[in-house]
N, C-alpha and C. Protein backbone atom coordinates (compact mmCIF):
# COMPACT_ATOMS: atom_id res chain seq x y z
N MET A 1 14.42 -49.28 -32.48
CA MET A 1 13.02 -49.29 -31.94
C MET A 1 13.05 -49.45 -30.45
N LYS A 2 13.75 -50.20 -30.06
CA LYS A 2 13.49 -50.41 -28.46
C LYS A 2 13.72 -49.05 -27.80
N ASN A 3 14.83 -48.21 -28.15
CA ASN A 3 15.13 -47.39 -27.60
C ASN A 3 13.75 -46.48 -27.19
N ILE A 4 13.12 -46.07 -28.33
CA ILE A 4 12.33 -44.89 -28.87
C ILE A 4 11.22 -45.72 -27.74
N LYS A 5 10.70 -46.70 -27.63
CA LYS A 5 9.65 -47.52 -26.88
C LYS A 5 10.04 -47.18 -25.02
N SER A 6 11.58 -47.39 -24.95
CA SER A 6 11.64 -46.94 -23.73
C SER A 6 11.74 -45.71 -23.21
N ILE A 7 12.21 -44.68 -24.14
CA ILE A 7 11.74 -43.02 -24.06
C ILE A 7 10.58 -42.98 -23.74
N ILE A 8 9.76 -43.63 -24.60
CA ILE A 8 8.35 -43.16 -24.19
C ILE A 8 7.82 -43.57 -23.28
N LEU A 9 8.17 -44.99 -22.58
CA LEU A 9 7.61 -45.03 -21.63
C LEU A 9 8.26 -44.60 -20.08
N ILE A 10 9.50 -44.19 -19.91
CA ILE A 10 10.05 -43.47 -19.14
C ILE A 10 9.26 -41.94 -18.98
N MET A 11 8.82 -41.12 -20.56
CA MET A 11 8.27 -39.80 -20.17
C MET A 11 6.69 -40.12 -19.85
N THR A 12 6.35 -41.09 -20.31
CA THR A 12 4.74 -41.29 -19.71
C THR A 12 4.53 -41.47 -18.30
N SER A 13 5.69 -42.63 -17.62
CA SER A 13 5.89 -42.90 -16.45
C SER A 13 5.87 -41.49 -15.54
N ALA A 14 7.13 -40.36 -16.22
CA ALA A 14 7.25 -39.11 -15.55
C ALA A 14 6.29 -38.20 -15.35
N ALA A 15 5.56 -38.39 -16.40
CA ALA A 15 4.17 -37.30 -16.48
C ALA A 15 2.88 -37.85 -15.61
N ILE A 16 2.65 -39.10 -15.68
CA ILE A 16 1.91 -40.08 -14.60
C ILE A 16 2.18 -39.42 -13.17
N PHE A 17 3.45 -39.55 -12.81
CA PHE A 17 3.81 -39.48 -11.43
C PHE A 17 4.01 -38.42 -11.32
N THR A 18 4.34 -37.46 -12.10
CA THR A 18 4.42 -36.09 -11.19
C THR A 18 3.29 -35.07 -11.39
N GLY A 19 2.20 -35.98 -12.24
CA GLY A 19 0.92 -34.88 -12.11
C GLY A 19 0.16 -35.33 -11.12
N CYS A 20 0.61 -36.02 -10.05
CA CYS A 20 -0.70 -36.51 -9.32
C CYS A 20 -0.23 -36.09 -7.76
N GLY A 21 0.76 -34.80 -7.79
CA GLY A 21 1.01 -34.44 -6.39
C GLY A 21 0.45 -32.94 -6.12
N ASP A 22 1.18 -32.31 -5.16
CA ASP A 22 0.98 -31.22 -4.60
C ASP A 22 1.63 -30.08 -5.54
N PHE A 23 2.06 -30.70 -6.55
CA PHE A 23 2.83 -29.54 -7.73
C PHE A 23 1.54 -28.33 -8.37
N LEU A 24 0.62 -28.95 -8.40
CA LEU A 24 -0.57 -28.48 -9.16
C LEU A 24 -1.36 -27.70 -8.41
N ASP A 25 -1.25 -27.78 -7.13
CA ASP A 25 -2.33 -27.11 -6.18
C ASP A 25 -1.54 -25.90 -5.49
N LYS A 26 -0.99 -25.17 -6.13
CA LYS A 26 -0.06 -24.04 -5.69
C LYS A 26 -0.56 -22.66 -6.25
N GLU A 27 -0.54 -21.47 -5.59
CA GLU A 27 -1.24 -20.45 -6.12
C GLU A 27 0.00 -19.82 -7.45
N PRO A 28 -0.82 -19.12 -8.16
CA PRO A 28 -0.09 -18.90 -9.12
C PRO A 28 0.79 -17.39 -8.81
N LEU A 29 2.05 -18.18 -9.25
CA LEU A 29 3.59 -17.42 -8.74
C LEU A 29 3.09 -15.75 -9.71
N SER A 30 2.64 -15.88 -10.75
CA SER A 30 2.86 -14.49 -12.12
C SER A 30 2.19 -13.72 -11.03
N SER A 31 1.04 -13.72 -10.41
CA SER A 31 0.38 -12.39 -9.93
C SER A 31 -0.04 -12.76 -8.53
N GLY A 32 0.56 -12.04 -7.68
CA GLY A 32 0.98 -12.05 -6.20
C GLY A 32 -0.53 -11.77 -5.87
N THR A 33 -1.10 -12.79 -5.06
CA THR A 33 -2.00 -12.81 -3.98
C THR A 33 -1.92 -12.50 -2.79
N GLU A 34 -3.02 -11.91 -1.96
CA GLU A 34 -2.74 -12.07 -0.37
C GLU A 34 -2.35 -13.14 0.12
N SER A 35 -2.71 -14.52 -0.29
CA SER A 35 -2.65 -15.45 0.37
C SER A 35 -1.03 -16.29 0.28
N ILE A 36 -0.28 -15.67 -0.52
CA ILE A 36 0.88 -15.95 -0.69
C ILE A 36 1.80 -14.67 -0.49
N ALA A 37 1.46 -13.54 -0.54
CA ALA A 37 2.17 -12.56 0.14
C ALA A 37 2.03 -12.05 1.76
N PHE A 38 2.71 -11.31 2.37
CA PHE A 38 2.63 -10.68 3.74
C PHE A 38 3.34 -11.96 4.61
N LYS A 39 3.63 -12.44 4.09
CA LYS A 39 4.64 -13.92 5.18
C LYS A 39 5.90 -13.28 6.14
N THR A 40 6.36 -12.40 4.98
CA THR A 40 8.07 -12.12 5.52
C THR A 40 8.13 -10.55 5.68
N PRO A 41 9.31 -9.98 6.10
CA PRO A 41 9.44 -8.75 6.01
C PRO A 41 9.73 -8.33 4.76
N GLU A 42 10.53 -8.98 3.87
CA GLU A 42 10.57 -8.83 2.58
C GLU A 42 9.29 -8.45 1.94
N GLN A 43 8.42 -9.43 1.70
CA GLN A 43 7.01 -9.39 1.33
C GLN A 43 6.50 -8.11 1.50
N PHE A 44 6.50 -7.58 2.73
CA PHE A 44 5.70 -6.14 3.38
C PHE A 44 6.65 -5.19 2.55
N MET A 45 8.12 -5.22 2.64
CA MET A 45 8.85 -4.22 1.76
C MET A 45 8.51 -4.29 0.21
N GLN A 46 8.26 -5.54 -0.48
CA GLN A 46 8.04 -5.57 -1.91
C GLN A 46 6.65 -5.03 -2.18
N ALA A 47 5.46 -5.05 -0.97
CA ALA A 47 4.19 -4.65 -1.12
C ALA A 47 4.49 -2.63 -1.15
N ALA A 48 5.42 -2.50 -0.23
CA ALA A 48 5.53 -1.00 0.12
C ALA A 48 5.93 -0.11 -1.33
N ASN A 49 6.92 -1.05 -1.74
CA ASN A 49 7.57 -0.58 -2.97
C ASN A 49 6.82 -0.36 -4.27
N ALA A 50 5.75 -1.22 -4.17
CA ALA A 50 4.77 -1.30 -5.26
C ALA A 50 3.98 0.14 -4.83
N LEU A 51 3.79 0.71 -3.98
CA LEU A 51 2.89 1.85 -3.82
C LEU A 51 3.76 3.01 -4.21
N TYR A 52 5.02 2.92 -5.01
CA TYR A 52 5.94 3.98 -5.64
C TYR A 52 5.43 3.82 -6.97
N ASN A 53 4.70 2.71 -7.54
CA ASN A 53 4.93 2.53 -8.93
C ASN A 53 3.52 3.16 -9.33
N LEU A 54 2.40 3.62 -8.65
CA LEU A 54 1.25 4.29 -8.92
C LEU A 54 1.46 5.26 -9.62
N GLU A 55 0.99 5.50 -11.11
CA GLU A 55 1.77 6.98 -11.37
C GLU A 55 0.94 8.12 -10.73
N GLY A 56 -0.47 7.42 -10.63
CA GLY A 56 -1.55 8.81 -9.91
C GLY A 56 -1.27 9.44 -8.75
N TRP A 57 -0.58 9.00 -7.98
CA TRP A 57 -0.21 9.52 -6.53
C TRP A 57 0.51 10.94 -6.76
N LYS A 58 1.10 10.95 -8.33
CA LYS A 58 1.91 12.21 -8.06
C LYS A 58 1.24 12.95 -9.38
N ASP A 59 -0.07 12.97 -9.98
CA ASP A 59 -0.71 13.92 -10.65
C ASP A 59 -1.29 14.98 -10.25
N TYR A 60 -0.97 15.99 -10.54
CA TYR A 60 -1.40 16.94 -9.85
C TYR A 60 -2.55 17.73 -10.64
N ASN A 61 -2.58 17.17 -11.74
CA ASN A 61 -3.39 17.88 -12.92
C ASN A 61 -4.53 17.42 -13.30
N GLY A 62 -5.09 16.27 -12.27
CA GLY A 62 -6.11 15.39 -12.67
C GLY A 62 -6.49 14.43 -13.45
N GLY A 63 -5.21 13.58 -13.80
CA GLY A 63 -5.37 13.00 -14.60
C GLY A 63 -5.48 11.84 -14.66
N SER A 64 -4.92 10.49 -14.11
CA SER A 64 -5.44 9.21 -13.41
C SER A 64 -5.31 9.34 -12.42
N ALA A 65 -5.01 10.48 -11.49
CA ALA A 65 -4.99 10.19 -10.17
C ALA A 65 -6.42 9.72 -9.37
N MET A 66 -7.34 10.12 -10.16
CA MET A 66 -8.68 9.49 -9.45
C MET A 66 -8.85 8.07 -9.10
N GLN A 67 -8.49 7.43 -10.30
CA GLN A 67 -8.53 6.01 -10.07
C GLN A 67 -7.36 5.53 -9.36
N SER A 68 -6.54 6.02 -9.25
CA SER A 68 -4.88 5.78 -8.64
C SER A 68 -5.21 5.99 -7.44
N SER A 69 -5.92 6.76 -6.91
CA SER A 69 -6.07 7.10 -5.40
C SER A 69 -6.76 5.86 -4.99
N ARG A 70 -7.89 5.56 -5.55
CA ARG A 70 -8.65 4.48 -4.63
C ARG A 70 -7.86 3.14 -4.64
N VAL A 71 -7.34 3.08 -5.75
CA VAL A 71 -6.15 1.58 -5.65
C VAL A 71 -5.24 1.72 -4.59
N ASP A 72 -4.77 2.85 -4.64
CA ASP A 72 -3.49 3.18 -3.57
C ASP A 72 -3.76 2.86 -2.23
N SER A 73 -5.11 3.46 -1.83
CA SER A 73 -5.47 3.70 -0.24
C SER A 73 -5.89 2.29 -0.48
N ARG A 74 -6.41 1.53 -1.14
CA ARG A 74 -6.68 0.26 -0.74
C ARG A 74 -5.62 -0.66 -0.68
N ASN A 75 -4.15 -0.21 -1.32
CA ASN A 75 -3.04 -1.43 -1.07
C ASN A 75 -2.48 -0.97 0.22
N CYS A 76 -2.59 0.52 0.53
CA CYS A 76 -1.97 0.77 1.67
C CYS A 76 -2.97 0.19 3.17
N ASN A 77 -3.79 0.19 2.95
CA ASN A 77 -4.75 -0.73 3.89
C ASN A 77 -4.41 -2.09 3.93
N ILE A 78 -4.31 -2.56 2.50
CA ILE A 78 -4.08 -3.77 2.86
C ILE A 78 -3.03 -4.39 3.61
N LEU A 79 -2.07 -3.62 3.05
CA LEU A 79 -0.63 -3.83 3.53
C LEU A 79 -0.48 -3.20 5.40
N LEU A 80 -1.52 -2.41 5.66
CA LEU A 80 -1.87 -1.79 7.08
C LEU A 80 -2.25 -3.02 7.97
N GLU A 81 -3.30 -3.66 7.13
CA GLU A 81 -4.15 -4.64 7.92
C GLU A 81 -3.29 -5.83 8.44
N LYS A 82 -2.65 -6.49 6.99
CA LYS A 82 -1.87 -7.52 7.07
C LYS A 82 -0.70 -7.53 8.21
N ALA A 83 -0.19 -6.15 8.34
CA ALA A 83 0.92 -5.97 9.49
C ALA A 83 0.16 -6.04 11.14
N GLU A 84 -0.91 -5.63 11.19
CA GLU A 84 -1.89 -5.79 12.26
C GLU A 84 -1.45 -7.39 12.67
N THR A 85 -1.47 -8.26 11.86
CA THR A 85 -2.04 -9.72 12.34
C THR A 85 -0.36 -10.58 11.55
N TYR A 86 0.65 -9.82 11.53
CA TYR A 86 1.83 -10.13 11.31
C TYR A 86 2.31 -10.72 12.42
N ALA A 87 2.56 -12.32 12.50
CA ALA A 87 3.37 -12.95 13.61
C ALA A 87 4.71 -12.87 14.28
N GLY A 88 5.17 -12.61 13.33
CA GLY A 88 6.81 -12.37 13.68
C GLY A 88 6.99 -10.77 14.31
N ASP A 89 8.50 -10.62 14.03
CA ASP A 89 8.75 -9.30 14.63
C ASP A 89 8.29 -7.90 14.20
N LYS A 90 7.26 -7.55 14.60
CA LYS A 90 6.80 -6.16 14.06
C LYS A 90 7.72 -4.87 13.74
N SER A 91 8.65 -4.92 14.55
CA SER A 91 9.78 -3.70 14.14
C SER A 91 10.50 -3.93 12.72
N ALA A 92 10.42 -5.13 12.36
CA ALA A 92 11.15 -5.25 11.07
C ALA A 92 10.33 -4.42 10.09
N LEU A 93 8.82 -4.41 10.26
CA LEU A 93 7.75 -4.09 9.33
C LEU A 93 7.88 -2.32 9.26
N ASN A 94 8.39 -1.98 9.92
CA ASN A 94 8.45 -0.35 10.46
C ASN A 94 8.10 0.47 9.08
N GLY A 95 9.44 0.01 8.08
CA GLY A 95 9.41 1.28 7.40
C GLY A 95 8.46 0.89 6.25
N SER A 96 8.21 -0.56 6.22
CA SER A 96 6.62 -0.67 5.23
C SER A 96 5.57 0.11 5.60
N ILE A 97 5.26 -0.16 6.88
CA ILE A 97 4.20 0.42 7.79
C ILE A 97 4.25 1.79 7.33
N GLY A 98 5.61 2.77 7.73
CA GLY A 98 5.15 4.23 7.49
C GLY A 98 5.15 4.59 6.23
N THR A 99 5.79 3.99 5.05
CA THR A 99 5.76 4.21 3.68
C THR A 99 4.13 3.98 3.60
N ALA A 100 3.22 2.95 3.80
CA ALA A 100 1.93 2.82 3.69
C ALA A 100 1.03 4.17 4.26
N ARG A 101 1.62 4.63 5.28
CA ARG A 101 1.01 5.46 5.90
C ARG A 101 1.14 6.93 5.00
N PHE A 102 2.02 7.03 4.84
CA PHE A 102 2.61 8.14 4.49
C PHE A 102 1.59 8.49 3.13
N PHE A 103 1.90 7.44 2.19
CA PHE A 103 0.91 7.08 0.90
C PHE A 103 -0.57 7.49 0.76
N ARG A 104 -1.15 7.10 2.28
CA ARG A 104 -2.47 6.66 2.56
C ARG A 104 -3.29 8.27 3.01
N ALA A 105 -1.74 8.70 3.63
CA ALA A 105 -2.29 10.45 3.94
C ALA A 105 -2.18 11.24 2.52
N TRP A 106 -1.19 10.87 1.68
CA TRP A 106 -0.74 11.59 0.22
C TRP A 106 -2.21 11.58 -0.56
N GLN A 107 -2.68 10.24 -0.34
CA GLN A 107 -4.02 10.13 -1.03
C GLN A 107 -5.41 10.91 -0.69
N HIS A 108 -5.17 10.73 1.03
CA HIS A 108 -6.18 11.76 1.42
C HIS A 108 -6.28 12.99 1.25
N PHE A 109 -5.02 13.55 1.16
CA PHE A 109 -4.87 15.05 1.08
C PHE A 109 -5.07 15.58 -0.30
N TYR A 110 -4.75 14.76 -1.15
CA TYR A 110 -4.77 15.08 -2.67
C TYR A 110 -6.66 14.93 -2.70
N LEU A 111 -7.49 14.12 -2.52
CA LEU A 111 -9.01 14.37 -2.78
C LEU A 111 -9.32 15.37 -1.66
N LEU A 112 -8.88 15.69 -0.75
CA LEU A 112 -9.21 16.80 0.26
C LEU A 112 -9.16 18.02 -0.44
N GLN A 113 -8.04 18.32 -1.19
CA GLN A 113 -7.96 19.54 -2.36
C GLN A 113 -8.78 19.80 -3.25
N LEU A 114 -9.50 18.40 -3.59
CA LEU A 114 -10.14 18.78 -4.68
C LEU A 114 -11.81 18.59 -4.10
N PHE A 115 -12.36 18.17 -3.07
CA PHE A 115 -13.27 17.94 -2.88
C PHE A 115 -13.81 18.25 -1.54
N GLY A 116 -12.85 18.71 -1.02
CA GLY A 116 -13.07 19.11 0.81
C GLY A 116 -13.33 17.87 1.71
N GLY A 117 -14.38 17.83 2.22
CA GLY A 117 -14.61 16.21 3.01
C GLY A 117 -14.96 15.49 2.17
N ILE A 118 -14.25 14.26 2.54
CA ILE A 118 -14.43 12.71 1.75
C ILE A 118 -14.63 11.99 2.72
N PRO A 119 -14.96 10.47 2.40
CA PRO A 119 -15.28 9.55 3.25
C PRO A 119 -13.52 9.07 3.38
N ILE A 120 -13.76 8.66 4.77
CA ILE A 120 -11.99 8.52 5.31
C ILE A 120 -11.96 6.72 4.75
N ALA A 121 -10.99 6.62 4.24
CA ALA A 121 -10.47 5.19 3.61
C ALA A 121 -9.65 4.62 4.97
N ASP A 122 -9.93 4.22 5.76
CA ASP A 122 -9.03 3.72 6.97
C ASP A 122 -8.99 2.21 7.34
N HIS A 123 -9.64 1.45 6.47
CA HIS A 123 -9.43 -0.03 6.34
C HIS A 123 -10.01 -0.43 4.79
N VAL A 124 -9.76 -1.68 4.43
CA VAL A 124 -10.22 -2.41 3.04
C VAL A 124 -11.55 -2.57 3.31
N PHE A 125 -12.26 -1.92 2.19
CA PHE A 125 -13.74 -1.77 1.39
C PHE A 125 -14.26 -3.09 1.04
N ASP A 126 -15.19 -3.75 1.53
CA ASP A 126 -16.13 -4.89 0.41
C ASP A 126 -17.12 -4.01 0.15
N VAL A 127 -18.10 -4.53 -1.06
CA VAL A 127 -19.23 -3.99 -1.56
C VAL A 127 -20.35 -3.35 -1.03
N SER A 128 -20.64 -4.15 0.60
CA SER A 128 -21.70 -3.76 1.17
C SER A 128 -21.13 -2.93 2.62
N ASP A 129 -19.91 -2.39 2.46
CA ASP A 129 -19.42 -1.62 3.57
C ASP A 129 -20.51 -0.58 3.73
N PRO A 130 -20.59 0.15 4.68
CA PRO A 130 -21.50 1.15 5.19
C PRO A 130 -20.69 2.67 4.76
N VAL A 131 -19.59 2.59 4.90
CA VAL A 131 -18.51 3.93 4.36
C VAL A 131 -19.01 4.42 3.03
N LEU A 132 -19.40 3.16 2.20
CA LEU A 132 -19.29 3.61 0.77
C LEU A 132 -20.83 3.97 0.70
N PHE A 133 -21.65 4.14 1.44
CA PHE A 133 -23.15 4.29 1.50
C PHE A 133 -23.35 5.50 2.14
N GLY A 134 -22.49 6.22 3.20
CA GLY A 134 -22.42 7.29 4.11
C GLY A 134 -22.06 8.23 3.92
N ALA A 135 -22.18 9.24 4.66
CA ALA A 135 -22.10 10.71 4.18
C ALA A 135 -20.59 11.12 4.16
N ARG A 136 -19.93 11.61 3.86
CA ARG A 136 -18.63 12.40 3.57
C ARG A 136 -18.31 12.30 5.12
N ASN A 137 -16.95 12.39 5.63
CA ASN A 137 -16.56 13.05 6.47
C ASN A 137 -16.17 14.29 6.82
N SER A 138 -16.29 15.40 7.44
CA SER A 138 -16.22 16.43 7.47
C SER A 138 -14.41 16.95 6.97
N ARG A 139 -14.35 18.06 6.41
CA ARG A 139 -12.78 18.10 6.19
C ARG A 139 -12.12 18.22 7.25
N TYR A 140 -12.26 18.60 8.44
CA TYR A 140 -11.77 18.81 9.63
C TYR A 140 -11.13 17.34 10.28
N GLU A 141 -12.22 16.66 10.28
CA GLU A 141 -11.80 15.01 10.42
C GLU A 141 -10.81 14.15 9.44
N VAL A 142 -11.06 14.81 8.42
CA VAL A 142 -10.10 14.46 7.15
C VAL A 142 -8.64 14.69 7.31
N ILE A 143 -8.72 16.17 7.58
CA ILE A 143 -7.08 16.63 8.01
C ILE A 143 -6.73 16.03 9.07
N GLN A 144 -7.55 15.70 10.20
CA GLN A 144 -7.07 14.92 11.77
C GLN A 144 -6.33 13.93 10.99
N PHE A 145 -7.20 13.12 10.21
CA PHE A 145 -7.09 11.78 9.79
C PHE A 145 -5.46 11.73 9.02
N ILE A 146 -5.48 12.68 8.10
CA ILE A 146 -3.97 12.80 7.55
C ILE A 146 -2.84 13.28 8.37
N VAL A 147 -3.00 13.85 9.32
CA VAL A 147 -2.12 14.44 10.14
C VAL A 147 -1.70 13.31 11.13
N ASN A 148 -2.50 12.47 11.77
CA ASN A 148 -2.36 11.39 12.23
C ASN A 148 -1.29 10.00 11.81
N ASP A 149 -1.80 10.01 10.43
CA ASP A 149 -0.97 9.25 9.78
C ASP A 149 0.42 9.50 9.50
N LEU A 150 0.57 10.53 9.04
CA LEU A 150 2.03 11.18 8.90
C LEU A 150 2.72 11.34 10.27
N ARG A 151 2.17 11.59 11.39
CA ARG A 151 2.53 12.01 12.59
C ARG A 151 3.26 10.17 13.01
N GLU A 152 2.32 9.00 12.72
CA GLU A 152 2.82 7.72 13.12
C GLU A 152 3.88 7.41 11.67
N ALA A 153 3.78 7.70 10.68
CA ALA A 153 4.51 7.68 9.50
C ALA A 153 6.38 8.11 9.95
N ILE A 154 6.12 9.52 10.49
CA ILE A 154 7.36 9.87 11.08
C ILE A 154 8.23 9.21 12.18
N GLN A 155 7.51 8.71 12.79
CA GLN A 155 7.74 7.44 13.98
C GLN A 155 8.61 6.23 13.18
N LEU A 156 8.05 5.93 12.33
CA LEU A 156 8.53 4.81 11.64
C LEU A 156 9.37 4.62 10.60
N LEU A 157 9.51 5.74 10.11
CA LEU A 157 10.16 5.98 8.80
C LEU A 157 11.89 6.17 9.10
N PRO A 158 12.82 5.43 8.23
CA PRO A 158 14.30 5.73 8.27
C PRO A 158 14.46 7.34 8.01
N GLN A 159 15.59 7.27 8.84
CA GLN A 159 16.21 8.92 8.52
C GLN A 159 16.99 8.72 6.74
N GLU A 160 16.55 9.99 6.23
CA GLU A 160 17.42 9.70 4.60
C GLU A 160 18.87 9.59 5.11
N LYS A 161 19.79 9.94 6.07
CA LYS A 161 20.99 9.67 5.98
C LYS A 161 21.21 8.11 6.47
N ASN A 162 19.97 7.40 6.54
CA ASN A 162 20.54 5.97 6.95
C ASN A 162 19.91 4.72 6.03
N ILE A 163 19.18 5.27 4.93
CA ILE A 163 18.55 4.91 3.57
C ILE A 163 19.68 4.68 2.79
N ALA A 164 20.07 3.07 2.32
CA ALA A 164 20.91 2.91 1.70
C ALA A 164 21.11 3.51 0.21
N ASP A 165 22.15 3.64 -0.65
CA ASP A 165 22.08 4.08 -1.67
C ASP A 165 21.28 3.78 -2.73
N ALA A 166 21.37 2.38 -2.51
CA ALA A 166 20.44 1.66 -3.63
C ALA A 166 19.12 2.17 -3.32
N ASP A 167 18.46 2.56 -2.33
CA ASP A 167 17.01 2.60 -2.07
C ASP A 167 17.02 4.09 -1.69
N LYS A 168 17.83 5.15 -2.23
CA LYS A 168 17.49 6.57 -2.39
C LYS A 168 16.69 6.60 -3.24
N GLY A 169 15.64 8.05 -2.38
CA GLY A 169 14.57 8.11 -2.99
C GLY A 169 13.19 7.74 -2.73
N LYS A 170 13.45 7.19 -1.71
CA LYS A 170 12.31 6.55 -0.90
C LYS A 170 11.99 7.26 0.18
N VAL A 171 10.67 7.38 0.71
CA VAL A 171 10.14 8.06 1.92
C VAL A 171 11.17 7.99 2.97
N SER A 172 11.35 8.96 3.47
CA SER A 172 12.25 9.22 4.80
C SER A 172 11.59 10.33 5.89
N VAL A 173 11.80 9.76 6.96
CA VAL A 173 11.33 11.43 8.01
C VAL A 173 11.43 11.94 7.47
N GLU A 174 12.31 12.89 7.08
CA GLU A 174 12.23 14.37 6.73
C GLU A 174 11.11 14.21 5.76
N ALA A 175 11.10 13.54 4.54
CA ALA A 175 10.11 13.55 3.74
C ALA A 175 8.49 13.85 4.30
N ALA A 176 8.65 12.87 5.49
CA ALA A 176 6.88 12.82 5.98
C ALA A 176 6.82 14.09 6.75
N LYS A 177 7.69 14.66 7.44
CA LYS A 177 8.11 15.93 8.13
C LYS A 177 7.94 17.24 6.98
N ALA A 178 8.27 17.24 6.07
CA ALA A 178 7.90 18.12 4.93
C ALA A 178 6.52 18.03 4.40
N PHE A 179 5.95 16.78 4.36
CA PHE A 179 4.74 16.69 3.98
C PHE A 179 3.37 17.12 4.84
N LEU A 180 3.87 17.00 6.00
CA LEU A 180 3.09 17.24 7.18
C LEU A 180 3.25 18.70 7.36
N ALA A 181 4.20 19.80 7.34
CA ALA A 181 4.13 20.76 7.52
C ALA A 181 3.36 21.02 6.35
N ARG A 182 3.26 20.93 5.05
CA ARG A 182 2.41 21.23 3.90
C ARG A 182 1.20 21.40 4.23
N VAL A 183 0.85 20.00 4.66
CA VAL A 183 -0.67 20.03 5.13
C VAL A 183 -1.11 20.69 6.03
N LEU A 184 -0.43 20.85 7.08
CA LEU A 184 -0.70 21.74 8.27
C LEU A 184 -0.56 23.43 7.93
N LEU A 185 0.30 24.02 6.67
CA LEU A 185 0.03 25.19 6.39
C LEU A 185 -0.94 25.23 5.16
N TYR A 186 -1.40 24.20 4.52
CA TYR A 186 -2.47 24.14 3.82
C TYR A 186 -3.78 24.59 4.55
N GLU A 187 -3.88 23.96 5.70
CA GLU A 187 -4.81 23.85 6.78
C GLU A 187 -5.07 25.29 7.56
N ALA A 188 -3.99 26.04 7.63
CA ALA A 188 -3.82 27.08 8.68
C ALA A 188 -4.27 28.18 7.50
N THR A 189 -3.84 27.91 6.20
CA THR A 189 -4.37 29.19 5.41
C THR A 189 -5.79 28.84 5.08
N TRP A 190 -6.46 27.72 5.21
CA TRP A 190 -8.09 27.38 4.93
C TRP A 190 -8.73 28.10 6.06
N GLU A 191 -8.00 27.67 7.30
CA GLU A 191 -8.67 28.17 8.68
C GLU A 191 -8.87 29.71 8.52
N LYS A 192 -7.78 30.30 8.01
CA LYS A 192 -7.55 31.89 8.16
C LYS A 192 -8.45 32.66 7.28
N TYR A 193 -9.08 32.27 6.06
CA TYR A 193 -9.74 32.43 5.09
C TYR A 193 -11.19 32.18 5.36
N VAL A 194 -11.63 31.28 5.78
CA VAL A 194 -12.85 30.60 5.91
C VAL A 194 -13.24 31.09 7.23
N PRO A 195 -14.63 32.19 7.23
CA PRO A 195 -15.26 32.08 8.24
C PRO A 195 -16.01 30.65 9.25
N ASN A 196 -15.92 31.20 10.85
CA ASN A 196 -16.25 30.25 11.29
C ASN A 196 -17.56 30.36 11.77
C-alpha cells in the first residue's frame, strides 16, 4: 500500500510540474503552418517538394486541376514570399525558388489555355485583394509573366546531371527550358493565326 501511495504521489507531482511549462505552448507539429516552416533551406525544399504532390497540376482533361491550380499557385507564392524575407544564405534556396517559379508558370499556362487572359497570381491573395475583383490580365501579359517565371527558374534550377539519384524526376534546367519552348511555340502559333 505504501508503494502505491508513493507511485501516485510521484505521478501527480510529475503531471503538475510538467503541465505548467512551455511544453503546451507549441505550434501543432502534425500540420505545418507558416510560423513553424520556412526557417531553414531544408524546410523550403520540403515546401517545394509538396508542389509535386498536387495531382491537379498534371490533369490535362479538366478534372481536379481547376481547384488544384488555385491551391498550387498560392503555395508557390507563399514559398516565394517567404524566400524574399529569408535571413540566411539565399543561394541555398535556389532550387526551391526555381521549382516554385516553374510550377507557378505551369499553372498560369494551364489556365491560359483554358480561358485566355486570366488574373495574374503573383502574390498571396487575401479576401479583399483588388486582383480578385479586377479585370483579367490580357493573354499577352499572362504569357509574358509565364515566360519571365520560366527564365528565372532556368537560372535557379540544377542541371539534370547534377541531380542526385534519389531526387531524379524533379524539375531541372532542361525541363524548364523544354517547357519554355512549349510555351513560346504555343504563343507563336496563336500569333500566327490570330489577326492583329
